[in-house]
Protein backbone atom coordinates (compact mmCIF):
# COMPACT_ATOMS: atom_id res chain seq x y z
CA MET A 1 0.00 0.00 0.00
CA PHE A 2 2.74 2.42 0.99
CA GLY A 3 4.85 1.44 -2.02
CA SER A 4 1.94 2.03 -4.38
CA LEU A 5 1.27 5.48 -2.88
CA ARG A 6 4.96 6.33 -3.06
CA MET A 7 5.15 5.41 -6.76
CA ARG A 8 2.02 7.49 -7.45
CA GLN A 9 3.57 10.53 -5.75
CA LEU A 10 6.77 10.14 -7.71
CA LYS A 11 4.88 9.80 -10.97
CA THR A 12 2.81 12.92 -10.28
CA SER A 13 6.00 14.89 -9.52
CA ALA A 14 7.56 13.63 -12.73
CA ILE A 15 4.56 14.79 -14.78
CA LEU A 16 4.73 18.26 -13.23
CA LEU A 17 8.43 18.57 -14.02
CA GLY A 18 8.03 17.37 -17.59
CA ILE A 19 10.20 14.34 -16.71
CA LEU A 20 7.54 11.68 -17.24
CA PRO A 21 5.68 12.06 -20.54
CA LEU A 22 1.93 12.43 -20.41
CA SER A 23 1.38 9.44 -22.68
CA GLN A 24 3.44 7.22 -20.37
CA ALA A 25 1.59 8.48 -17.30
CA LEU A 26 -1.75 7.67 -18.89
CA ALA A 27 -0.60 4.25 -20.05
CA THR A 28 0.66 3.26 -16.61
CA SER A 29 -2.45 4.57 -14.88
CA GLY A 30 -4.87 2.74 -17.15
CA SER A 31 -6.55 6.00 -18.21
CA GLN A 32 -8.19 5.90 -21.61
CA SER A 33 -7.97 9.68 -22.14
CA LYS A 34 -5.95 10.73 -25.17
CA VAL A 35 -4.66 14.09 -24.02
CA LYS A 36 -2.45 16.13 -26.32
CA PRO A 37 0.01 18.39 -24.44
CA THR A 38 -0.93 21.20 -26.86
CA PRO A 39 -3.14 21.62 -29.94
CA CYS A 40 -0.19 23.25 -31.75
CA ASN A 41 0.42 21.62 -35.13
CA ARG A 42 3.71 23.46 -35.75
CA ILE A 43 2.01 25.56 -38.45
CA CYS A 44 1.66 29.04 -36.98
CA ARG A 45 -0.17 31.50 -39.22
CA TYR A 46 -2.03 34.73 -38.58
CA ASN A 47 -4.38 36.84 -40.68
CA SER A 48 -5.03 40.48 -39.88
CA ASN A 49 -8.63 40.06 -41.06
CA PHE A 50 -9.31 37.23 -38.61
CA PHE A 51 -9.67 38.48 -35.01
CA ASP A 52 -7.28 41.36 -35.89
CA GLY A 53 -4.40 38.91 -36.30
CA GLU A 54 -4.58 37.88 -32.65
CA VAL A 55 -5.61 34.26 -33.35
CA CYS A 56 -3.42 31.56 -34.88
CA ILE A 57 -5.31 29.99 -37.80
CA GLY A 58 -3.37 26.76 -37.32
CA CYS A 59 -4.69 25.96 -33.82
CA PHE A 60 -7.27 28.80 -33.38
CA ARG A 61 -5.96 29.85 -29.94
CA ASP A 62 -5.44 33.54 -29.26
CA THR A 63 -2.08 34.99 -28.23
CA HIS A 64 -2.97 34.97 -24.53
CA GLU A 65 -3.93 31.29 -24.61
CA ILE A 66 -0.78 30.35 -26.51
CA SER A 67 1.58 32.30 -24.23
CA ASN A 68 -0.07 31.08 -21.01
CA TRP A 69 -0.88 27.51 -22.08
CA VAL A 70 1.73 25.81 -19.91
CA SER A 71 0.46 27.56 -16.76
CA MET A 72 -3.24 26.79 -17.29
CA THR A 73 -5.14 24.20 -15.29
CA SER A 74 -6.83 21.29 -17.05
CA SER A 75 -10.21 23.07 -16.85
CA GLU A 76 -8.75 26.28 -18.28
CA LYS A 77 -7.20 24.32 -21.15
CA SER A 78 -10.58 22.70 -21.83
CA TYR A 79 -12.35 26.09 -21.90
CA ALA A 80 -9.64 27.52 -24.19
CA LEU A 81 -10.04 24.58 -26.58
CA GLU A 82 -13.80 25.02 -26.67
CA ASP A 83 -13.29 28.71 -27.48
CA ALA A 84 -10.77 27.73 -30.19
CA ALA A 85 -13.28 25.27 -31.65
CA GLY A 86 -15.86 28.06 -31.85
CA ARG A 87 -13.39 30.31 -33.67
CA SER A 88 -12.49 27.55 -36.13
CA THR A 89 -16.06 27.53 -37.46
CA MET A 90 -15.61 31.17 -38.50
CA ALA A 91 -12.49 30.66 -40.62
CA THR A 92 -11.59 29.23 -44.00
CA THR A 93 -9.24 26.43 -43.00
CA PHE A 94 -6.13 25.28 -44.86
CA ASP A 95 -4.33 21.96 -45.13
CA GLY A 96 -2.68 21.25 -41.78
CA ALA A 97 -4.98 23.40 -39.63
CA ILE A 98 -6.57 21.61 -36.70
CA SER A 99 -10.25 20.68 -37.09
CA GLU A 100 -13.17 21.73 -34.92
CA GLU A 101 -13.79 18.06 -34.05
CA GLU A 102 -10.19 17.57 -32.88
CA LEU A 103 -10.32 20.71 -30.74
CA ARG A 104 -13.51 19.56 -29.02
CA ARG A 105 -12.06 16.06 -28.55
CA GLN A 106 -9.00 17.52 -26.84
CA ALA A 107 -11.24 19.76 -24.69
CA ASN A 108 -13.14 16.70 -23.44
CA ALA A 109 -9.91 14.78 -22.89
CA TRP A 110 -8.55 17.48 -20.56
CA ILE A 111 -11.73 17.29 -18.44
CA GLU A 112 -11.47 13.49 -18.26
CA PHE A 113 -7.80 13.74 -17.40
CA GLU A 114 -8.48 16.13 -14.51
CA GLN A 115 -11.25 13.88 -13.22
CA ASP A 116 -8.89 10.89 -13.32
CA GLY A 117 -6.93 12.49 -10.48
CA GLU A 118 -3.64 11.77 -12.21
CA TYR A 119 -2.96 15.44 -12.92
CA ALA A 120 -2.28 17.94 -10.14
CA ALA A 121 -4.18 21.19 -10.59
CA ASP A 122 -1.90 22.94 -8.13
CA HIS A 123 0.69 24.27 -10.60
CA ASN A 124 4.02 25.70 -9.60
CA SER A 125 6.02 27.76 -12.12
CA GLU A 126 4.12 26.51 -15.17
CA GLY A 127 4.44 23.01 -13.79
CA SER A 128 2.32 21.45 -16.50
CA SER A 129 5.21 21.56 -18.93
CA ILE A 130 5.31 18.24 -20.75
CA ASP A 131 8.19 17.31 -23.01
CA PRO A 132 7.22 15.08 -25.95
CA ASP A 133 10.84 13.96 -26.03
CA PRO A 134 11.02 13.33 -22.25
CA ILE A 135 14.04 13.26 -20.00
CA GLU A 136 14.64 9.79 -18.63
CA ILE A 137 15.56 10.10 -14.97
CA LYS A 138 15.39 7.36 -12.37
CA GLN A 139 12.31 7.81 -10.23
CA GLU A 140 14.25 7.99 -6.99
CA SER A 141 16.06 11.10 -8.30
CA VAL A 142 12.90 13.10 -9.03
CA GLN A 143 12.35 14.59 -5.58
CA SER A 144 16.01 15.36 -4.98
CA ASN A 145 16.21 17.32 -8.25
CA SER A 146 12.81 18.99 -8.15
CA LYS A 147 13.89 21.67 -5.70
CA HIS A 148 16.37 23.08 -8.21
CA PHE A 149 14.57 22.20 -11.44
CA SER A 150 12.62 24.96 -13.22
CA PRO A 151 10.32 23.63 -15.94
CA THR A 152 10.17 27.13 -17.45
CA PRO A 153 11.81 30.54 -16.87
CA CYS A 154 8.40 32.25 -16.77
CA THR A 155 8.11 34.64 -13.81
CA ARG A 156 4.34 35.15 -14.32
CA ILE A 157 5.14 38.77 -15.17
CA CYS A 158 4.77 39.11 -18.93
CA ARG A 159 5.84 42.49 -20.28
CA TYR A 160 6.93 43.69 -23.70
CA ASN A 161 8.66 46.83 -24.94
CA ALA A 162 8.35 48.00 -28.54
CA ASP A 163 11.97 49.24 -28.45
CA PHE A 164 13.35 45.84 -27.43
CA TYR A 165 13.38 43.32 -30.30
CA SER A 166 10.34 45.10 -31.78
CA GLY A 167 8.20 43.96 -28.85
CA SER A 168 8.63 40.26 -29.70
CA VAL A 169 10.61 39.41 -26.53
CA CYS A 170 9.13 39.24 -23.04
CA ILE A 171 11.27 41.30 -20.67
CA GLY A 172 10.14 39.12 -17.78
CA CYS A 173 11.80 35.92 -19.04
CA PHE A 174 13.58 37.21 -22.22
CA ARG A 175 12.17 34.46 -24.42
CA ASP A 176 10.81 35.45 -27.82
CA SER A 177 7.26 34.69 -28.93
CA PHE A 178 8.28 31.52 -30.79
CA GLU A 179 10.08 30.10 -27.75
CA ILE A 180 7.17 30.90 -25.43
CA GLU A 181 4.54 29.44 -27.75
CA ASN A 182 6.53 26.28 -28.50
CA TRP A 183 8.16 25.72 -25.09
CA ILE A 184 5.93 22.82 -24.16
CA SER A 185 6.88 20.88 -27.31
CA MET A 186 10.63 21.61 -27.30
CA SER A 187 13.15 18.90 -26.54
CA SER A 188 15.42 19.35 -23.53
CA THR A 189 18.35 20.34 -25.75
CA ASP A 190 16.28 22.97 -27.58
CA LYS A 191 15.12 24.40 -24.23
CA MET A 192 18.77 24.71 -23.27
CA TYR A 193 19.48 26.65 -26.48
CA ALA A 194 16.45 28.89 -25.90
CA LEU A 195 17.60 29.72 -22.36
CA GLN A 196 21.08 30.58 -23.61
CA HIS A 197 19.50 32.89 -26.21
CA ALA A 198 17.36 34.45 -23.47
CA ALA A 199 20.46 35.03 -21.33
CA ASP A 200 22.12 36.82 -24.25
CA ARG A 201 19.06 39.03 -24.68
CA CYS A 202 19.02 39.76 -20.96
CA GLU A 203 22.63 40.94 -21.22
CA GLU A 204 21.62 43.29 -24.06
CA ASN A 205 18.86 44.73 -21.90
CA SER A 206 20.85 47.70 -20.58
CA ASN A 207 18.57 50.21 -22.35
CA ILE A 208 15.38 48.64 -21.01
CA GLU A 209 14.26 49.52 -17.50
CA GLN A 210 14.63 46.50 -15.20
CA PHE A 211 11.74 45.72 -12.91
CA GLU A 212 11.27 43.63 -9.80
CA GLY A 213 10.36 40.08 -10.71
CA GLY A 214 12.21 39.93 -14.02
CA ILE A 215 14.51 36.93 -14.30
CA SER A 216 18.27 37.44 -14.07
CA ARG A 217 20.88 36.37 -16.61
CA GLN A 218 22.52 34.16 -13.98
CA GLU A 219 19.24 32.30 -13.38
CA LEU A 220 18.70 31.81 -17.11
CA LEU A 221 22.18 30.31 -17.46
CA ARG A 222 21.60 28.10 -14.41
CA GLN A 223 18.40 26.76 -15.92
CA ALA A 224 20.19 26.19 -19.23
CA ARG A 225 22.79 24.08 -17.42
CA MET A 226 20.02 22.11 -15.70
CA TRP A 227 18.36 21.25 -19.00
CA THR A 228 21.75 20.23 -20.39
CA SER A 229 22.39 17.88 -17.47
CA TYR A 230 18.91 16.33 -17.76
CA SER A 231 18.97 15.97 -21.54
CA LYS A 232 18.95 12.54 -23.13
CA ASP A 233 21.13 14.04 -25.85
CA PRO A 234 23.44 16.45 -24.00
CA VAL A 235 25.50 18.82 -26.06
CA ASP A 236 28.99 17.38 -26.43
CA GLU A 237 31.12 20.49 -26.38
CA ARG A 238 33.84 18.95 -28.49
CA TRP A 239 35.61 20.64 -31.36
CA GLU A 240 37.06 18.85 -34.36
CA GLU A 241 40.02 19.91 -36.48
CA ILE A 242 40.14 18.43 -39.99
CA ASN A 243 43.28 18.48 -42.13
CA ILE A 244 42.32 19.74 -45.59
CA LYS A 245 44.98 17.71 -47.43
CA THR A 246 44.67 14.36 -45.66
CA GLY A 247 41.16 14.49 -44.19
CA GLU A 248 42.59 13.45 -40.81
CA ARG A 249 40.26 14.39 -37.95
CA VAL A 250 41.34 15.28 -34.42
CA SER A 251 38.72 15.85 -31.71
CA PHE A 252 39.50 17.98 -28.69
CA CYS A 253 37.75 19.66 -25.76
CA MET A 254 38.76 23.14 -24.69
CA PRO A 255 40.92 24.38 -23.24
CA LEU A 256 43.62 22.60 -25.20
CA ASP A 257 46.98 24.05 -24.22
CA CYS A 258 48.93 22.02 -26.77
CA ASN A 259 47.02 23.44 -29.75
CA ASN A 260 48.88 26.51 -30.99
CA TYR A 261 46.74 26.78 -34.15
CA HIS A 262 49.76 26.84 -36.49
CA THR A 263 48.14 24.35 -38.87
CA PHE A 264 44.86 26.24 -38.82
CA ILE A 265 46.41 29.69 -39.33
CA ARG A 266 48.51 28.39 -42.24
CA GLY A 267 45.24 27.45 -43.92
CA GLU A 268 45.83 23.71 -43.71
CA SER A 269 42.83 22.78 -41.56
CA VAL A 270 39.20 23.55 -40.80
CA ILE A 271 37.78 23.64 -37.26
CA LEU A 272 34.15 22.76 -36.63
CA MET A 273 31.71 22.12 -33.81
CA GLU A 274 28.26 20.55 -34.06
CA LYS A 275 25.00 21.56 -32.35
CA VAL A 276 25.84 25.23 -31.83
CA VAL A 277 22.56 26.51 -33.30
CA SER A 278 19.23 24.92 -32.40
CA ASP A 279 16.83 23.17 -34.76
CA GLU A 280 14.17 25.84 -34.11
CA ASP A 281 16.49 28.71 -35.07
CA CYS A 282 17.73 26.89 -38.18
CA SER A 283 14.14 26.17 -39.25
CA ALA A 284 12.94 29.75 -38.71
CA ILE A 285 15.84 31.18 -40.73
CA LYS A 286 15.35 28.66 -43.55
CA VAL A 287 11.63 29.45 -43.84
CA ALA A 288 12.36 33.19 -44.08
CA ALA A 289 15.21 32.62 -46.54
CA LYS A 290 13.05 30.44 -48.79
CA LEU A 291 10.34 33.12 -49.02
CA ILE A 292 12.83 35.82 -50.03
CA ALA A 293 14.63 33.48 -52.45
CA SER A 294 11.33 32.56 -54.12
CA ARG A 295 10.46 36.22 -54.64
CA GLN A 296 13.89 36.91 -56.14
CA ARG A 297 13.59 34.00 -58.56
CA GLU A 298 10.21 35.29 -59.73
CA LEU A 299 11.68 38.74 -60.33
CA ARG A 300 14.54 37.27 -62.37
CA LEU A 301 12.23 35.15 -64.47
CA GLU A 302 9.88 38.10 -65.08
CA ALA A 303 12.89 40.10 -66.28
CA GLY A 304 13.83 37.32 -68.71
CA LEU A 305 16.86 36.22 -66.68
CA MET A 306 17.83 32.68 -65.73
CA ASP A 307 17.33 31.23 -62.26
CA GLU A 308 20.86 30.98 -60.90
CA GLY A 309 19.81 28.53 -58.19
CA LEU A 310 21.55 30.58 -55.47
CA VAL A 311 20.30 33.65 -53.63
CA ARG A 312 22.43 35.49 -51.07
CA ILE A 313 20.20 37.16 -48.48
CA PRO A 314 21.89 39.84 -46.35
CA THR A 315 21.21 41.02 -42.84
CA MET A 316 19.87 44.57 -42.49
CA ALA A 317 23.31 45.93 -41.61
CA SER A 318 25.07 44.24 -44.53
CA ALA A 319 22.34 45.40 -46.92
CA LYS A 320 22.83 48.97 -45.68
CA ARG A 321 26.60 48.73 -46.17
CA ALA A 322 26.09 47.33 -49.68
CA SER A 323 23.68 50.15 -50.55
CA SER A 324 26.14 52.81 -49.37
CA GLY A 325 28.76 51.31 -51.70
CA ASN A 326 26.33 50.97 -54.61
CA THR A 327 26.62 47.18 -54.43
CA PRO A 328 23.39 45.52 -55.58
CA CYS A 329 21.82 42.96 -53.26
CA VAL A 330 18.45 41.37 -52.63
CA GLU A 331 16.01 42.41 -49.93
CA PRO A 332 17.30 41.74 -46.39
CA PHE A 333 15.64 39.64 -43.69
CA ASP A 334 12.89 41.20 -41.59
CA SER A 335 13.64 42.54 -38.11
CA ASP A 336 12.79 39.32 -36.24
CA ILE A 337 15.07 37.05 -38.30
CA ASP A 338 17.70 39.79 -38.45
CA ALA A 339 17.75 39.94 -34.64
CA LYS A 340 18.05 36.14 -34.49
CA LEU A 341 21.01 36.14 -36.91
CA ASN A 342 22.74 38.94 -34.99
CA GLN A 343 22.22 37.04 -31.77
CA ILE A 344 23.68 33.84 -33.26
CA MET A 345 26.67 35.78 -34.57
CA ALA A 346 27.27 37.25 -31.11
CA ARG A 347 27.02 33.83 -29.46
CA VAL A 348 29.52 32.33 -31.91
CA CYS A 349 31.93 35.22 -31.35
CA LYS A 350 31.66 34.74 -27.59
CA LEU A 351 32.24 31.00 -28.00
CA ILE A 352 35.35 31.57 -30.11
CA ASP A 353 36.64 34.15 -27.62
CA SER A 354 36.26 31.80 -24.68
CA GLU A 355 37.48 28.57 -26.29
CA HIS A 356 39.98 29.71 -28.95
CA LYS A 357 41.73 32.67 -27.33
CA THR A 358 45.11 31.75 -28.83
CA MET A 359 43.57 31.80 -32.29
CA VAL A 360 41.87 35.15 -31.67
CA ASP A 361 45.11 36.62 -30.32
CA SER A 362 47.02 35.44 -33.40
CA LEU A 363 44.50 36.70 -35.96
CA PHE A 364 43.03 39.79 -34.29
CA GLY A 365 45.64 40.88 -31.75
CA PRO A 366 46.04 40.00 -28.05
CA ALA A 367 44.05 42.98 -26.80
CA ASN A 368 40.94 42.18 -28.83
CA SER A 369 37.90 39.96 -28.49
CA LEU A 370 35.57 39.14 -31.36
CA LEU A 371 32.50 39.98 -29.31
CA ASN A 372 33.81 43.43 -28.37
CA LEU A 373 34.83 44.12 -31.97
CA LEU A 374 31.38 43.04 -33.17
CA HIS A 375 29.47 45.18 -30.66
CA SER A 376 31.66 48.22 -31.30
CA ASN A 377 31.27 47.89 -35.11
CA LYS A 378 34.99 47.31 -35.57
CA LEU A 379 34.73 44.25 -37.79
CA ALA A 380 35.03 44.72 -41.54
CA PHE A 381 32.88 42.13 -43.33
CA SER A 382 33.10 40.90 -46.90
CA SER A 383 30.62 42.45 -49.31
CA ARG A 384 26.95 41.66 -48.51
CA GLU A 385 27.91 39.72 -45.37
CA PRO A 386 26.80 38.44 -42.90
CA ALA A 387 24.30 36.69 -45.13
CA VAL A 388 22.49 33.43 -45.75
CA ASN A 389 23.22 31.60 -49.00
CA PHE A 390 20.10 29.71 -50.12
CA TYR A 391 20.72 27.06 -52.77
CA THR A 392 18.16 25.20 -54.87
CA SER A 393 20.36 24.11 -57.75
CA GLY A 394 23.27 26.49 -57.85
CA SER A 395 26.83 26.49 -56.59
CA PHE A 396 29.35 29.04 -55.32
CA ARG A 397 32.53 29.11 -57.39
CA PRO A 398 35.95 28.35 -55.81
CA HIS A 399 37.37 31.45 -54.16
CA GLU A 400 39.27 32.84 -51.17
CA ASP A 401 37.54 35.24 -48.78
CA GLY A 402 40.67 37.29 -48.11
CA GLN A 403 39.66 38.04 -44.51
CA LYS A 404 41.18 37.02 -41.20
CA LEU A 405 38.45 34.51 -40.35
CA THR A 406 35.40 32.96 -42.00
CA VAL A 407 32.45 31.56 -40.02
CA LEU A 408 30.08 29.21 -41.84
CA ILE A 409 27.01 27.83 -40.07
CA THR A 410 25.03 25.08 -41.75
CA LEU A 411 21.29 25.62 -41.41
CA SER A 412 20.04 22.60 -43.38
CA SER A 413 20.15 18.95 -42.41
CA ALA A 414 22.35 16.84 -44.68
CA ASN A 415 19.33 14.79 -45.77
CA GLU A 416 17.43 17.83 -47.07
CA PHE A 417 19.41 18.01 -50.31
CA GLU A 418 21.56 15.97 -52.68
CA GLY A 419 25.00 17.15 -53.73
CA GLY A 420 25.96 20.40 -52.06
CA GLY A 421 28.34 20.81 -49.17
CA THR A 422 31.54 22.85 -48.88
CA ALA A 423 34.70 21.90 -50.79
CA PHE A 424 38.26 22.84 -49.80
CA TRP A 425 41.55 22.79 -51.70
CA SER A 426 44.83 22.10 -49.93
CA SER A 427 47.48 24.82 -49.88
CA GLU A 428 49.67 22.34 -51.77
CA SER A 429 47.06 21.86 -54.50
CA ARG A 430 47.89 23.00 -58.04
CA GLY A 431 44.59 24.90 -58.05
CA HIS A 432 40.89 24.30 -58.45
CA ARG A 433 41.10 24.52 -62.26
CA VAL A 434 43.51 21.58 -62.30
CA GLU A 435 42.63 19.43 -59.30
CA ASP A 436 39.47 18.26 -57.58
CA PRO A 437 38.95 19.48 -54.01
CA SER A 438 41.05 17.83 -51.31
CA LEU A 439 38.21 17.79 -48.80
CA GLU A 440 34.40 17.94 -48.99
CA LEU A 441 32.31 18.54 -45.86
CA LYS A 442 28.56 18.17 -45.47
CA PRO A 443 27.90 18.58 -41.73
CA ASP A 444 24.44 18.50 -40.20
CA TYR A 445 22.43 21.61 -39.31
CA GLY A 446 23.67 23.86 -36.51
CA THR A 447 27.36 23.15 -37.15
CA VAL A 448 29.89 26.00 -37.07
CA MET A 449 32.89 25.79 -39.44
CA LEU A 450 35.91 28.05 -39.06
CA PHE A 451 38.77 28.65 -41.52
CA VAL A 452 41.14 31.47 -42.45
CA GLY A 453 40.78 33.81 -45.41
CA HIS A 454 43.39 32.33 -47.75
CA VAL A 455 41.77 28.88 -47.87
CA THR A 456 40.34 28.11 -51.32
CA HIS A 457 36.80 26.78 -50.93
CA ALA A 458 33.50 26.52 -52.82
CA GLY A 459 29.83 25.75 -52.36
CA LEU A 460 29.19 22.53 -54.30
CA THR A 461 26.25 22.24 -56.69
CA VAL A 462 22.95 21.27 -55.10
CA LYS A 463 21.41 18.60 -57.34
CA GLU A 464 18.07 18.30 -55.57
CA GLY A 465 16.40 19.83 -52.52
CA GLU A 466 17.37 23.02 -50.71
CA ARG A 467 20.43 24.06 -48.73
CA ALA A 468 20.93 27.10 -46.51
CA VAL A 469 24.18 28.25 -44.91
CA PHE A 470 25.02 31.36 -42.89
CA VAL A 471 28.32 32.99 -43.86
CA ALA A 472 30.38 35.80 -42.31
CA SER A 473 33.96 36.62 -43.30
CA PHE A 474 35.65 39.45 -41.42
CA SER A 475 38.82 41.23 -40.31
CA PRO A 476 39.41 43.88 -37.63
CA ILE A 477 39.13 47.52 -38.61
CA THR A 478 42.51 49.05 -37.88
């Protein structure tokens, strides 16, 4: 009797922490309810003519219901779903949008779930967070960890400022609207990335008035570390150096005192690290890049020009620099994606500063840091960079960037396209017109590649599918 009660208590705690998945809890309890953690179908669309753009026409919840979903009780979720079902009858639905019948089914399921007694209505810090890719922790560890585990950084004080990320970031928890809306369905690793992004935004918050109750940067980083330690797929902070001539790979964790970067600085190797940018960020950037690339192709075809299969999409700052120099370029990303790209660039600079100081000292001078140079606008970028190269069939000819350092970040999974990848020629090669590349790399999404400016490289032809890669080549302004 006592053992059964003890197991029930542990299971309830695990559900509240997002440690035990809802489906597993229902299966072990014998409940027949088929509760979905959220009606979100990962297709978020809004129409200004439908409830003034305040209702997602993918799930038919309003912005308040989406932002506060994880902190609602079962009854509140049921009411919200009934309201969403009512709205769905007033809209012209599209393929992928949730149906009225499914919304009402989920509403009933939440009521049944609450009546089952398996779900605690007494929430603490959005305690209903349920991870569809759950963290597997031994049951006896649940209570010992729960004191320090925060299912969400929400402080229950949601405020926005139009001057801070165009009002798309809550200055209570520093998550953006995408991270708040999709938190409940994120994996542990993606939550860790989101918290690191939030910590970076918090650090940029010097111009926004702080208020009592807003979360601190230290707490955001602590929660990020907690999600990393609980993750089934923890980020392996391991760098890899690949010899361009031989293809030999050497893995290392920082700091690595014996690595003086001579091979790298001579242009004989490439350094890379996987899982630096999250799946959510890669996906958001790719969607935006595809829209702009499609518009540019249509313009070329209307003008009687050929589709080159490659569109280079600049950030707002690089588009402005190009315009001032009369360099033609396509339309830049909007403010939300631009802010995301700038944030990723800052995070990569900070990562290089902290883990490759010897390299930074050698290339940029011992008194400099990449992050400081970036924030003080003392980095000179190649023309129309930073940018995202979006390939559908094209290639990028062999060339040298001529800068101190090049940062490439793959945004597409290797299985999203055929062909493609980045090719490199050894410094001992007779040249790309005579010899094939010495090395071809096709890393998965979120991988950062580093190499110096005199390395000959190229973007290989994409034969099928789509490939996106972020590129920034730069030197210090002296």
